[in-house]
Amino acid sequence: MRMLHLGLRVTDLGRSLAFYTALGYAERGRVPETPFGSLTMLQLPDDPFVSLELVHDPDRPVTDTGAVNHLVVQTNDLAALVAGLADRGVTAEPPYDHGEGMWTTWLTDPDGYRIELVQWPPGHPAGMTAADFS
């Protein structure tokens, strides 16, 4: 088994699409009418599959993001990503050096969802492993 994607309800689809494409996601498809609203599928360049679904229904704006603590996106060059985001009008918090080449920073999407950006140290496997908790 594997997780396929996360569906996030968004208030303004155009604003959210602009934010997530600035972050690096590409739109891969849409399902215009479902009982949940319209669905817009997004994929990061290094992911083999769609990993984020923006769920939009104008009659159901986001009023509480508390059920989602945060999303995490891995990058190979955090400084370059933060600079590129700033060029697109997206502000990130100052990057934090955890030592040994691990860096993180935070940003917030238009609906208030928190996103952590992570740059693993050199040689770290992709994603988190049990070794990260020992």
N, C-alpha and C. Protein backbone atom coordinates (compact mmCIF):
# COMPACT_ATOMS: atom_id res chain seq x y z
N MET A 1 0.84 -1.19 0.00
CA MET A 1 0.00 0.00 0.00
C MET A 1 0.87 1.24 0.00
N ARG A 2 0.31 2.33 -0.49
CA ARG A 2 0.98 3.63 -0.46
C ARG A 2 -0.05 4.73 -0.49
N MET A 3 0.30 5.85 0.08
CA MET A 3 -0.58 7.01 0.01
C MET A 3 -0.52 7.58 -1.40
N LEU A 4 -1.67 7.92 -1.96
CA LEU A 4 -1.69 8.47 -3.31
C LEU A 4 -1.65 9.99 -3.31
N HIS A 5 -2.56 10.62 -2.60
CA HIS A 5 -2.57 12.08 -2.56
C HIS A 5 -3.40 12.57 -1.39
N LEU A 6 -3.30 13.87 -1.14
CA LEU A 6 -4.08 14.54 -0.11
C LEU A 6 -5.01 15.51 -0.81
N GLY A 7 -6.26 15.53 -0.42
CA GLY A 7 -7.22 16.50 -0.96
C GLY A 7 -7.38 17.65 0.01
N LEU A 8 -7.11 18.88 -0.45
CA LEU A 8 -7.27 20.07 0.36
C LEU A 8 -8.42 20.90 -0.17
N ARG A 9 -9.36 21.25 0.69
CA ARG A 9 -10.42 22.16 0.28
C ARG A 9 -9.83 23.55 0.19
N VAL A 10 -10.13 24.28 -0.90
CA VAL A 10 -9.63 25.64 -1.10
C VAL A 10 -10.80 26.58 -1.38
N THR A 11 -10.63 27.83 -0.98
CA THR A 11 -11.69 28.83 -1.14
C THR A 11 -11.68 29.44 -2.53
N ASP A 12 -10.51 29.81 -3.01
CA ASP A 12 -10.36 30.49 -4.30
C ASP A 12 -9.40 29.65 -5.14
N LEU A 13 -9.94 28.90 -6.08
CA LEU A 13 -9.13 27.96 -6.86
C LEU A 13 -8.01 28.68 -7.61
N GLY A 14 -8.28 29.80 -8.24
CA GLY A 14 -7.26 30.52 -8.99
C GLY A 14 -6.11 30.96 -8.10
N ARG A 15 -6.43 31.50 -6.94
CA ARG A 15 -5.40 31.96 -6.01
C ARG A 15 -4.57 30.78 -5.49
N SER A 16 -5.24 29.68 -5.18
CA SER A 16 -4.52 28.49 -4.68
C SER A 16 -3.66 27.88 -5.78
N LEU A 17 -4.18 27.82 -7.00
CA LEU A 17 -3.38 27.30 -8.12
C LEU A 17 -2.12 28.15 -8.34
N ALA A 18 -2.26 29.46 -8.26
CA ALA A 18 -1.10 30.34 -8.42
C ALA A 18 -0.07 30.05 -7.33
N PHE A 19 -0.51 29.86 -6.10
CA PHE A 19 0.39 29.57 -4.99
C PHE A 19 1.11 28.24 -5.20
N TYR A 20 0.34 27.18 -5.47
CA TYR A 20 0.95 25.85 -5.57
C TYR A 20 1.81 25.70 -6.83
N THR A 21 1.48 26.38 -7.91
CA THR A 21 2.36 26.32 -9.08
C THR A 21 3.63 27.11 -8.82
N ALA A 22 3.56 28.20 -8.05
CA ALA A 22 4.78 28.92 -7.65
C ALA A 22 5.68 28.02 -6.81
N LEU A 23 5.07 27.16 -6.01
CA LEU A 23 5.83 26.22 -5.18
C LEU A 23 6.48 25.12 -6.01
N GLY A 24 5.97 24.90 -7.23
CA GLY A 24 6.59 23.90 -8.11
C GLY A 24 5.64 22.84 -8.62
N TYR A 25 4.40 22.83 -8.13
CA TYR A 25 3.43 21.85 -8.61
C TYR A 25 3.00 22.17 -10.03
N ALA A 26 2.65 21.14 -10.79
CA ALA A 26 2.07 21.31 -12.12
C ALA A 26 0.68 20.69 -12.12
N GLU A 27 -0.23 21.35 -12.80
CA GLU A 27 -1.59 20.81 -12.90
C GLU A 27 -1.58 19.63 -13.88
N ARG A 28 -2.17 18.50 -13.46
CA ARG A 28 -2.18 17.30 -14.29
C ARG A 28 -3.56 16.92 -14.79
N GLY A 29 -4.61 17.52 -14.22
CA GLY A 29 -5.95 17.21 -14.69
C GLY A 29 -7.00 17.76 -13.75
N ARG A 30 -8.24 17.75 -14.26
CA ARG A 30 -9.37 18.25 -13.47
C ARG A 30 -10.56 17.33 -13.64
N VAL A 31 -11.31 17.25 -12.57
CA VAL A 31 -12.62 16.61 -12.60
C VAL A 31 -13.59 17.71 -12.20
N PRO A 32 -14.38 18.22 -13.17
CA PRO A 32 -15.13 19.46 -12.93
C PRO A 32 -16.28 19.36 -11.92
N GLU A 33 -16.98 18.27 -11.88
CA GLU A 33 -18.14 18.22 -10.99
C GLU A 33 -18.18 16.91 -10.25
N THR A 34 -18.06 16.99 -8.93
CA THR A 34 -18.19 15.84 -8.05
C THR A 34 -19.05 16.28 -6.87
N PRO A 35 -19.49 15.36 -6.03
CA PRO A 35 -20.24 15.77 -4.83
C PRO A 35 -19.41 16.65 -3.88
N PHE A 36 -18.08 16.62 -4.02
CA PHE A 36 -17.21 17.44 -3.16
C PHE A 36 -16.96 18.82 -3.75
N GLY A 37 -17.13 18.97 -5.07
CA GLY A 37 -16.78 20.18 -5.81
C GLY A 37 -15.88 19.80 -6.97
N SER A 38 -15.22 20.79 -7.55
CA SER A 38 -14.28 20.49 -8.64
C SER A 38 -12.97 20.01 -8.02
N LEU A 39 -12.29 19.12 -8.74
CA LEU A 39 -11.04 18.54 -8.26
C LEU A 39 -9.93 18.90 -9.25
N THR A 40 -8.84 19.46 -8.75
CA THR A 40 -7.69 19.81 -9.58
C THR A 40 -6.49 19.03 -9.05
N MET A 41 -5.92 18.19 -9.91
CA MET A 41 -4.83 17.29 -9.52
C MET A 41 -3.48 17.93 -9.81
N LEU A 42 -2.59 17.92 -8.79
CA LEU A 42 -1.28 18.55 -8.90
C LEU A 42 -0.16 17.56 -8.63
N GLN A 43 0.97 17.77 -9.29
CA GLN A 43 2.11 16.87 -9.18
C GLN A 43 3.40 17.69 -9.10
N LEU A 44 4.30 17.29 -8.20
CA LEU A 44 5.62 17.91 -8.14
C LEU A 44 6.53 17.29 -9.20
N PRO A 45 7.54 18.02 -9.68
CA PRO A 45 8.34 17.53 -10.80
C PRO A 45 9.07 16.22 -10.54
N ASP A 46 9.47 15.94 -9.31
CA ASP A 46 10.21 14.70 -9.02
C ASP A 46 9.33 13.57 -8.52
N ASP A 47 8.02 13.83 -8.36
CA ASP A 47 7.10 12.79 -7.91
C ASP A 47 6.59 11.99 -9.10
N PRO A 48 6.48 10.67 -8.95
CA PRO A 48 5.97 9.88 -10.07
C PRO A 48 4.45 9.99 -10.23
N PHE A 49 3.76 10.49 -9.19
CA PHE A 49 2.30 10.52 -9.21
C PHE A 49 1.79 11.88 -8.73
N VAL A 50 0.52 12.13 -8.99
CA VAL A 50 -0.18 13.27 -8.40
C VAL A 50 -0.12 13.11 -6.89
N SER A 51 0.19 14.20 -6.16
CA SER A 51 0.27 14.10 -4.71
C SER A 51 -0.64 15.07 -3.98
N LEU A 52 -1.24 16.01 -4.73
CA LEU A 52 -2.13 16.99 -4.10
C LEU A 52 -3.34 17.23 -4.98
N GLU A 53 -4.50 17.25 -4.34
CA GLU A 53 -5.76 17.50 -5.04
C GLU A 53 -6.40 18.73 -4.40
N LEU A 54 -6.64 19.75 -5.20
CA LEU A 54 -7.33 20.93 -4.69
C LEU A 54 -8.82 20.74 -4.92
N VAL A 55 -9.59 20.79 -3.85
CA VAL A 55 -11.03 20.56 -3.88
C VAL A 55 -11.71 21.92 -3.72
N HIS A 56 -12.49 22.33 -4.73
CA HIS A 56 -13.08 23.66 -4.71
C HIS A 56 -14.58 23.60 -4.94
N ASP A 57 -15.31 24.19 -4.02
CA ASP A 57 -16.76 24.38 -4.14
C ASP A 57 -17.04 25.79 -3.64
N PRO A 58 -17.46 26.70 -4.52
CA PRO A 58 -17.68 28.09 -4.10
C PRO A 58 -18.68 28.22 -2.94
N ASP A 59 -19.56 27.23 -2.80
CA ASP A 59 -20.54 27.28 -1.72
C ASP A 59 -19.99 26.75 -0.40
N ARG A 60 -18.75 26.24 -0.42
CA ARG A 60 -18.14 25.69 0.80
C ARG A 60 -16.72 26.23 0.98
N PRO A 61 -16.59 27.53 1.33
CA PRO A 61 -15.26 28.09 1.52
C PRO A 61 -14.58 27.48 2.75
N VAL A 62 -13.28 27.57 2.79
CA VAL A 62 -12.52 27.07 3.93
C VAL A 62 -12.75 28.01 5.11
N THR A 63 -13.20 27.45 6.21
CA THR A 63 -13.39 28.25 7.42
C THR A 63 -12.51 27.78 8.57
N ASP A 64 -11.92 26.60 8.43
CA ASP A 64 -11.07 26.06 9.49
C ASP A 64 -10.04 25.13 8.88
N THR A 65 -8.77 25.43 9.07
CA THR A 65 -7.69 24.58 8.57
C THR A 65 -7.10 23.73 9.69
N GLY A 66 -7.72 23.74 10.85
CA GLY A 66 -7.17 23.06 12.02
C GLY A 66 -7.05 21.56 11.91
N ALA A 67 -7.80 20.94 11.02
CA ALA A 67 -7.73 19.48 10.90
C ALA A 67 -6.43 19.03 10.20
N VAL A 68 -5.80 19.93 9.48
CA VAL A 68 -4.53 19.62 8.81
C VAL A 68 -3.45 20.41 9.54
N ASN A 69 -2.52 19.70 10.19
CA ASN A 69 -1.46 20.41 10.90
C ASN A 69 -0.49 21.06 9.94
N HIS A 70 0.04 20.29 8.99
CA HIS A 70 0.91 20.86 7.97
C HIS A 70 1.20 19.83 6.89
N LEU A 71 1.62 20.32 5.73
CA LEU A 71 2.11 19.51 4.63
C LEU A 71 3.62 19.67 4.60
N VAL A 72 4.32 18.69 4.07
CA VAL A 72 5.78 18.78 3.98
C VAL A 72 6.19 18.51 2.53
N VAL A 73 7.04 19.38 2.01
CA VAL A 73 7.57 19.24 0.66
C VAL A 73 9.09 19.22 0.76
N GLN A 74 9.70 18.22 0.15
CA GLN A 74 11.16 18.08 0.14
C GLN A 74 11.73 18.81 -1.07
N THR A 75 12.85 19.48 -0.87
CA THR A 75 13.56 20.15 -1.95
C THR A 75 15.05 19.85 -1.84
N ASN A 76 15.74 19.90 -2.96
CA ASN A 76 17.18 19.68 -2.95
C ASN A 76 17.97 20.94 -2.65
N ASP A 77 17.34 22.12 -2.87
CA ASP A 77 18.03 23.39 -2.66
C ASP A 77 17.05 24.39 -2.05
N LEU A 78 16.98 24.40 -0.73
CA LEU A 78 16.00 25.24 -0.04
C LEU A 78 16.23 26.72 -0.31
N ALA A 79 17.47 27.17 -0.29
CA ALA A 79 17.76 28.59 -0.52
C ALA A 79 17.26 29.04 -1.90
N ALA A 80 17.50 28.23 -2.92
CA ALA A 80 17.06 28.58 -4.27
C ALA A 80 15.53 28.59 -4.36
N LEU A 81 14.89 27.61 -3.71
CA LEU A 81 13.43 27.56 -3.74
C LEU A 81 12.84 28.78 -3.05
N VAL A 82 13.36 29.14 -1.87
CA VAL A 82 12.85 30.30 -1.14
C VAL A 82 13.05 31.57 -1.97
N ALA A 83 14.19 31.71 -2.62
CA ALA A 83 14.44 32.88 -3.48
C ALA A 83 13.47 32.91 -4.65
N GLY A 84 13.24 31.77 -5.28
CA GLY A 84 12.29 31.70 -6.39
C GLY A 84 10.87 32.01 -5.96
N LEU A 85 10.48 31.55 -4.78
CA LEU A 85 9.16 31.86 -4.24
C LEU A 85 9.02 33.36 -4.01
N ALA A 86 10.05 33.98 -3.45
CA ALA A 86 10.01 35.43 -3.21
C ALA A 86 9.83 36.19 -4.52
N ASP A 87 10.50 35.72 -5.58
CA ASP A 87 10.34 36.35 -6.90
C ASP A 87 8.91 36.25 -7.40
N ARG A 88 8.17 35.24 -6.94
CA ARG A 88 6.77 35.04 -7.35
C ARG A 88 5.78 35.61 -6.33
N GLY A 89 6.29 36.33 -5.33
CA GLY A 89 5.42 36.97 -4.34
C GLY A 89 5.01 36.08 -3.19
N VAL A 90 5.67 34.92 -3.01
CA VAL A 90 5.35 34.01 -1.91
C VAL A 90 6.45 34.15 -0.86
N THR A 91 6.05 34.51 0.35
CA THR A 91 7.01 34.73 1.43
C THR A 91 7.13 33.51 2.32
N ALA A 92 8.36 33.09 2.56
CA ALA A 92 8.65 32.00 3.49
C ALA A 92 9.32 32.59 4.72
N GLU A 93 9.21 31.88 5.83
CA GLU A 93 9.93 32.28 7.03
C GLU A 93 11.43 32.09 6.77
N PRO A 94 12.29 32.74 7.56
CA PRO A 94 13.73 32.53 7.37
C PRO A 94 14.08 31.05 7.54
N PRO A 95 14.90 30.48 6.65
CA PRO A 95 15.29 29.08 6.78
C PRO A 95 16.03 28.83 8.09
N TYR A 96 15.82 27.63 8.62
CA TYR A 96 16.43 27.23 9.89
C TYR A 96 17.41 26.09 9.63
N ASP A 97 18.63 26.26 10.12
CA ASP A 97 19.69 25.27 9.96
C ASP A 97 19.65 24.31 11.14
N HIS A 98 19.31 23.05 10.88
CA HIS A 98 19.27 22.02 11.93
C HIS A 98 20.63 21.37 12.12
N GLY A 99 21.61 21.76 11.32
CA GLY A 99 22.95 21.19 11.39
C GLY A 99 23.11 20.03 10.42
N GLU A 100 24.34 19.75 10.05
CA GLU A 100 24.70 18.64 9.18
C GLU A 100 24.02 18.68 7.82
N GLY A 101 23.63 19.89 7.38
CA GLY A 101 23.05 20.02 6.05
C GLY A 101 21.53 19.93 5.97
N MET A 102 20.86 19.81 7.11
CA MET A 102 19.39 19.78 7.10
C MET A 102 18.86 21.19 7.35
N TRP A 103 18.00 21.64 6.44
CA TRP A 103 17.38 22.96 6.52
C TRP A 103 15.87 22.83 6.41
N THR A 104 15.14 23.70 7.11
CA THR A 104 13.68 23.76 6.98
C THR A 104 13.23 25.21 6.97
N THR A 105 12.06 25.42 6.43
CA THR A 105 11.38 26.71 6.53
C THR A 105 9.89 26.45 6.42
N TRP A 106 9.11 27.48 6.67
CA TRP A 106 7.65 27.37 6.66
C TRP A 106 7.05 28.47 5.81
N LEU A 107 5.92 28.15 5.18
CA LEU A 107 5.11 29.15 4.51
C LEU A 107 3.65 28.78 4.69
N THR A 108 2.78 29.68 4.32
CA THR A 108 1.35 29.48 4.51
C THR A 108 0.64 29.72 3.20
N ASP A 109 -0.27 28.81 2.83
CA ASP A 109 -0.99 28.96 1.56
C ASP A 109 -2.13 29.96 1.73
N PRO A 110 -2.84 30.31 0.65
CA PRO A 110 -3.87 31.35 0.73
C PRO A 110 -5.01 31.05 1.70
N ASP A 111 -5.27 29.77 2.01
CA ASP A 111 -6.33 29.44 2.95
C ASP A 111 -5.83 29.28 4.38
N GLY A 112 -4.52 29.37 4.58
CA GLY A 112 -3.97 29.25 5.93
C GLY A 112 -3.34 27.91 6.25
N TYR A 113 -3.27 27.00 5.27
CA TYR A 113 -2.58 25.72 5.50
C TYR A 113 -1.08 25.99 5.61
N ARG A 114 -0.43 25.38 6.60
CA ARG A 114 1.01 25.53 6.81
C ARG A 114 1.76 24.48 5.99
N ILE A 115 2.86 24.91 5.38
CA ILE A 115 3.67 24.02 4.57
C ILE A 115 5.11 24.12 5.06
N GLU A 116 5.70 22.97 5.36
CA GLU A 116 7.09 22.91 5.76
C GLU A 116 7.91 22.49 4.54
N LEU A 117 8.96 23.23 4.26
CA LEU A 117 9.89 22.88 3.20
C LEU A 117 11.13 22.30 3.86
N VAL A 118 11.59 21.15 3.37
CA VAL A 118 12.72 20.44 3.98
C VAL A 118 13.79 20.17 2.94
N GLN A 119 15.03 20.45 3.33
CA GLN A 119 16.20 20.03 2.55
C GLN A 119 16.97 19.06 3.43
N TRP A 120 17.01 17.79 3.03
CA TRP A 120 17.73 16.77 3.79
C TRP A 120 19.22 16.98 3.67
N PRO A 121 19.99 16.48 4.65
CA PRO A 121 21.45 16.54 4.52
C PRO A 121 21.93 15.64 3.38
N PRO A 122 23.13 15.91 2.85
CA PRO A 122 23.67 15.06 1.78
C PRO A 122 23.69 13.59 2.21
N GLY A 123 23.28 12.71 1.30
CA GLY A 123 23.29 11.27 1.57
C GLY A 123 22.06 10.75 2.28
N HIS A 124 21.15 11.65 2.71
CA HIS A 124 19.93 11.20 3.39
C HIS A 124 18.99 10.55 2.38
N PRO A 125 18.35 9.43 2.74
CA PRO A 125 17.39 8.84 1.80
C PRO A 125 16.22 9.80 1.55
N ALA A 126 15.58 9.63 0.42
CA ALA A 126 14.38 10.42 0.13
C ALA A 126 13.31 10.06 1.15
N GLY A 127 12.67 11.03 1.71
CA GLY A 127 11.62 10.79 2.69
C GLY A 127 12.17 10.50 4.07
N MET A 128 11.26 10.27 5.01
CA MET A 128 11.64 9.98 6.38
C MET A 128 11.76 8.47 6.55
N THR A 129 12.71 8.07 7.37
CA THR A 129 12.89 6.65 7.68
C THR A 129 12.94 6.48 9.19
N ALA A 130 12.93 5.25 9.64
CA ALA A 130 13.03 4.95 11.07
C ALA A 130 14.30 5.55 11.67
N ALA A 131 15.36 5.67 10.88
CA ALA A 131 16.61 6.24 11.37
C ALA A 131 16.46 7.69 11.81
N ASP A 132 15.45 8.41 11.26
CA ASP A 132 15.24 9.79 11.66
C ASP A 132 14.69 9.93 13.07
N PHE A 133 14.25 8.83 13.66
CA PHE A 133 13.63 8.90 14.98
C PHE A 133 14.45 8.20 16.05
N SER A 134 15.62 7.68 15.68
CA SER A 134 16.42 6.96 16.67
C SER A 134 17.48 7.84 17.29
